[in-house]
């Protein structure tokens, strides 16, 4: 059961904690703050912002979710259902919560959609493969 919880909820919680602890006047401003700046050979400075880090963490978690989607069994349906619920909650939050109306959160919403679609697609493909292997006897 615990493995069925979508790990992308970590990114949503992380975003909300950062957003609600940030500036009340400009919610997006907290995600624009540079965490580190690295001088490049070209002479330009590359800065990683808080928003960039949240998106990077979300993409890493998406990778874990895609690996989880390759599992077949009874828990995969629960996993996909909870991922769909998370996506719906994220869409509602994006549309109704002032702090969530940022590009960073929109990208998180898009990643949760990719998780839902990819999860169902991978499961269907794996089930077809299993049926094809089982039917060749």
C-alpha atoms as a PDB file:
ATOM      1  CA  UNK A   1       0.000   0.000   0.000  1.00  0.00           C
ATOM      2  CA  UNK A   2       2.730   2.496   0.924  1.00  0.00           C
ATOM      3  CA  UNK A   3       4.510   1.810  -2.378  1.00  0.00           C
ATOM      4  CA  UNK A   4       1.343   2.806  -4.250  1.00  0.00           C
ATOM      5  CA  UNK A   5       1.488   6.375  -2.987  1.00  0.00           C
ATOM      6  CA  UNK A   6       2.696   8.565  -5.847  1.00  0.00           C
ATOM      7  CA  UNK A   7       6.117   9.894  -4.968  1.00  0.00           C
ATOM      8  CA  UNK A   8       5.367  13.064  -6.927  1.00  0.00           C
ATOM      9  CA  UNK A   9       3.378  14.157  -3.893  1.00  0.00           C
ATOM     10  CA  UNK A  10       6.811  14.967  -2.406  1.00  0.00           C
ATOM     11  CA  UNK A  11       7.325  17.625  -5.084  1.00  0.00           C
ATOM     12  CA  UNK A  12       3.862  19.073  -4.542  1.00  0.00           C
ATOM     13  CA  UNK A  13       4.435  19.254  -0.786  1.00  0.00           C
ATOM     14  CA  UNK A  14       7.918  20.759  -1.293  1.00  0.00           C
ATOM     15  CA  UNK A  15       6.495  23.388  -3.651  1.00  0.00           C
ATOM     16  CA  UNK A  16       3.691  24.289  -1.233  1.00  0.00           C
ATOM     17  CA  UNK A  17       6.031  24.567   1.734  1.00  0.00           C
ATOM     18  CA  UNK A  18       8.375  26.869  -0.179  1.00  0.00           C
ATOM     19  CA  UNK A  19       5.521  28.917  -1.657  1.00  0.00           C
ATOM     20  CA  UNK A  20       3.621  29.407   1.591  1.00  0.00           C
ATOM     21  CA  UNK A  21       6.767  30.274   3.539  1.00  0.00           C
ATOM     22  CA  UNK A  22       7.815  32.770   0.873  1.00  0.00           C
ATOM     23  CA  UNK A  23       6.644  36.271   0.149  1.00  0.00           C
ATOM     24  CA  UNK A  24       2.900  36.878   0.401  1.00  0.00           C
ATOM     25  CA  UNK A  25       3.118  39.799  -2.040  1.00  0.00           C
ATOM     26  CA  UNK A  26       4.899  37.949  -4.842  1.00  0.00           C
ATOM     27  CA  UNK A  27       4.551  34.158  -4.543  1.00  0.00           C
ATOM     28  CA  UNK A  28       6.592  33.484  -7.679  1.00  0.00           C
ATOM     29  CA  UNK A  29       9.508  35.614  -6.473  1.00  0.00           C
ATOM     30  CA  UNK A  30      10.658  32.998  -3.964  1.00  0.00           C
ATOM     31  CA  UNK A  31      11.253  30.562  -6.839  1.00  0.00           C
ATOM     32  CA  UNK A  32      13.351  33.095  -8.756  1.00  0.00           C
ATOM     33  CA  UNK A  33      15.991  33.374  -6.039  1.00  0.00           C
ATOM     34  CA  UNK A  34      19.382  32.020  -7.075  1.00  0.00           C
ATOM     35  CA  UNK A  35      20.728  29.147  -4.987  1.00  0.00           C
ATOM     36  CA  UNK A  36      24.109  29.058  -6.631  1.00  0.00           C
ATOM     37  CA  UNK A  37      25.883  30.792  -9.477  1.00  0.00           C
ATOM     38  CA  UNK A  38      28.610  29.130 -11.491  1.00  0.00           C
ATOM     39  CA  UNK A  39      30.873  31.096 -13.851  1.00  0.00           C
ATOM     40  CA  UNK A  40      31.063  29.383 -17.229  1.00  0.00           C
ATOM     41  CA  UNK A  41      33.995  29.215 -19.643  1.00  0.00           C
ATOM     42  CA  UNK A  42      32.047  31.477 -21.997  1.00  0.00           C
ATOM     43  CA  UNK A  43      32.165  34.242 -19.406  1.00  0.00           C
ATOM     44  CA  UNK A  44      28.465  33.978 -18.625  1.00  0.00           C
ATOM     45  CA  UNK A  45      27.210  33.132 -15.170  1.00  0.00           C
ATOM     46  CA  UNK A  46      24.808  30.193 -14.820  1.00  0.00           C
ATOM     47  CA  UNK A  47      22.463  30.472 -11.880  1.00  0.00           C
ATOM     48  CA  UNK A  48      20.322  27.679 -10.468  1.00  0.00           C
ATOM     49  CA  UNK A  49      17.163  29.055  -8.902  1.00  0.00           C
ATOM     50  CA  UNK A  50      14.915  27.545  -6.263  1.00  0.00           C
ATOM     51  CA  UNK A  51      12.347  26.848  -8.983  1.00  0.00           C
ATOM     52  CA  UNK A  52      14.951  25.086 -11.110  1.00  0.00           C
ATOM     53  CA  UNK A  53      15.867  22.857  -8.176  1.00  0.00           C
ATOM     54  CA  UNK A  54      12.223  21.976  -7.477  1.00  0.00           C
ATOM     55  CA  UNK A  55      11.736  21.033 -11.148  1.00  0.00           C
ATOM     56  CA  UNK A  56      14.948  18.990 -11.155  1.00  0.00           C
ATOM     57  CA  UNK A  57      13.814  17.092  -8.054  1.00  0.00           C
ATOM     58  CA  UNK A  58      10.396  16.543  -9.658  1.00  0.00           C
ATOM     59  CA  UNK A  59      11.986  15.093 -12.796  1.00  0.00           C
ATOM     60  CA  UNK A  60      14.106  12.724 -10.715  1.00  0.00           C
ATOM     61  CA  UNK A  61      10.981  11.570  -8.868  1.00  0.00           C
ATOM     62  CA  UNK A  62       9.196  11.134 -12.215  1.00  0.00           C
ATOM     63  CA  UNK A  63      11.933   8.683 -13.178  1.00  0.00           C
ATOM     64  CA  UNK A  64      11.209   6.662 -10.030  1.00  0.00           C
ATOM     65  CA  UNK A  65       7.483   6.758 -10.824  1.00  0.00           C
ATOM     66  CA  UNK A  66       8.123   5.430 -14.336  1.00  0.00           C
ATOM     67  CA  UNK A  67      10.161   2.570 -12.905  1.00  0.00           C
ATOM     68  CA  UNK A  68       7.283   1.853 -10.482  1.00  0.00           C
ATOM     69  CA  UNK A  69       4.889   1.761 -13.452  1.00  0.00           C
ATOM     70  CA  UNK A  70       6.675  -1.288 -14.861  1.00  0.00           C
ATOM     71  CA  UNK A  71       5.393  -3.376 -11.946  1.00  0.00           C
ATOM     72  CA  UNK A  72       2.417  -5.523 -12.728  1.00  0.00           C
ATOM     73  CA  UNK A  73      -0.030  -6.746 -10.174  1.00  0.00           C
ATOM     74  CA  UNK A  74      -2.906  -5.689  -8.010  1.00  0.00           C
ATOM     75  CA  UNK A  75      -1.144  -2.621  -6.624  1.00  0.00           C
ATOM     76  CA  UNK A  76      -0.558  -1.094 -10.063  1.00  0.00           C
ATOM     77  CA  UNK A  77      -4.231  -0.123 -10.404  1.00  0.00           C
ATOM     78  CA  UNK A  78      -4.142   1.580  -7.006  1.00  0.00           C
ATOM     79  CA  UNK A  79      -0.882   3.298  -7.978  1.00  0.00           C
ATOM     80  CA  UNK A  80      -2.396   4.685 -11.196  1.00  0.00           C
ATOM     81  CA  UNK A  81      -5.582   5.747  -9.422  1.00  0.00           C
ATOM     82  CA  UNK A  82      -3.655   7.674  -6.782  1.00  0.00           C
ATOM     83  CA  UNK A  83      -1.515   9.300  -9.477  1.00  0.00           C
ATOM     84  CA  UNK A  84      -4.692  10.414 -11.255  1.00  0.00           C
ATOM     85  CA  UNK A  85      -6.061  11.850  -8.008  1.00  0.00           C
ATOM     86  CA  UNK A  86      -2.787  13.723  -7.449  1.00  0.00           C
ATOM     87  CA  UNK A  87      -3.005  15.162 -10.966  1.00  0.00           C
ATOM     88  CA  UNK A  88      -6.589  16.327 -10.391  1.00  0.00           C
ATOM     89  CA  UNK A  89      -5.640  17.894  -7.043  1.00  0.00           C
ATOM     90  CA  UNK A  90      -2.721  19.689  -8.723  1.00  0.00           C
ATOM     91  CA  UNK A  91      -4.943  21.056 -11.501  1.00  0.00           C
ATOM     92  CA  UNK A  92      -7.472  22.306  -8.953  1.00  0.00           C
ATOM     93  CA  UNK A  93      -4.706  23.873  -6.880  1.00  0.00           C
ATOM     94  CA  UNK A  94      -3.175  25.531  -9.946  1.00  0.00           C
ATOM     95  CA  UNK A  95      -6.529  27.068 -10.881  1.00  0.00           C
ATOM     96  CA  UNK A  96      -7.709  28.115  -7.430  1.00  0.00           C
ATOM     97  CA  UNK A  97      -4.701  28.840  -5.202  1.00  0.00           C
ATOM     98  CA  UNK A  98      -2.840  32.111  -5.700  1.00  0.00           C
ATOM     99  CA  UNK A  99       0.514  30.634  -4.638  1.00  0.00           C
ATOM    100  CA  UNK A 100       0.230  27.874  -7.231  1.00  0.00           C
ATOM    101  CA  UNK A 101      -0.221  30.193 -10.208  1.00  0.00           C
ATOM    102  CA  UNK A 102       3.438  29.992 -11.240  1.00  0.00           C
ATOM    103  CA  UNK A 103       5.337  28.401 -14.089  1.00  0.00           C
ATOM    104  CA  UNK A 104       7.128  26.102 -11.655  1.00  0.00           C
ATOM    105  CA  UNK A 105       3.849  24.652 -10.397  1.00  0.00           C
ATOM    106  CA  UNK A 106       2.469  24.428 -13.930  1.00  0.00           C
ATOM    107  CA  UNK A 107       5.482  22.290 -14.872  1.00  0.00           C
ATOM    108  CA  UNK A 108       4.806  20.096 -11.819  1.00  0.00           C
ATOM    109  CA  UNK A 109       1.195  19.719 -13.022  1.00  0.00           C
ATOM    110  CA  UNK A 110       2.457  18.746 -16.491  1.00  0.00           C
ATOM    111  CA  UNK A 111       4.833  16.194 -14.965  1.00  0.00           C
ATOM    112  CA  UNK A 112       1.986  14.649 -12.943  1.00  0.00           C
ATOM    113  CA  UNK A 113       0.000  14.363 -16.188  1.00  0.00           C
ATOM    114  CA  UNK A 114       2.955  12.645 -17.855  1.00  0.00           C
ATOM    115  CA  UNK A 115       3.124  10.273 -14.880  1.00  0.00           C
ATOM    116  CA  UNK A 116      -0.556   9.345 -15.295  1.00  0.00           C
ATOM    117  CA  UNK A 117      -0.388   8.833 -19.060  1.00  0.00           C
ATOM    118  CA  UNK A 118       2.961   7.026 -18.972  1.00  0.00           C
ATOM    119  CA  UNK A 119       1.871   4.834 -16.075  1.00  0.00           C
ATOM    120  CA  UNK A 120      -1.223   3.595 -17.884  1.00  0.00           C
ATOM    121  CA  UNK A 121       0.676   3.206 -21.164  1.00  0.00           C
ATOM    122  CA  UNK A 122       3.539   1.237 -19.616  1.00  0.00           C
ATOM    123  CA  UNK A 123       1.135  -1.006 -17.702  1.00  0.00           C
ATOM    124  CA  UNK A 124      -0.918  -1.748 -20.825  1.00  0.00           C
ATOM    125  CA  UNK A 125       2.212  -2.531 -22.838  1.00  0.00           C
ATOM    126  CA  UNK A 126       3.544  -4.794 -20.095  1.00  0.00           C
ATOM    127  CA  UNK A 127       0.186  -6.581 -19.855  1.00  0.00           C
ATOM    128  CA  UNK A 128       0.144  -7.147 -23.625  1.00  0.00           C
ATOM    129  CA  UNK A 129       3.653  -8.559 -23.458  1.00  0.00           C
ATOM    130  CA  UNK A 130       2.671 -10.865 -20.601  1.00  0.00           C
ATOM    131  CA  UNK A 131      -0.415 -12.042 -22.521  1.00  0.00           C
ATOM    132  CA  UNK A 132       1.646 -12.646 -25.650  1.00  0.00           C
ATOM    133  CA  UNK A 133       4.220 -14.655 -23.729  1.00  0.00           C
ATOM    134  CA  UNK A 134       1.550 -16.634 -21.868  1.00  0.00           C
ATOM    135  CA  UNK A 135      -0.437 -17.412 -25.024  1.00  0.00           C
ATOM    136  CA  UNK A 136       2.473 -18.928 -26.951  1.00  0.00           C
ATOM    137  CA  UNK A 137       2.405 -22.234 -25.040  1.00  0.00           C
END
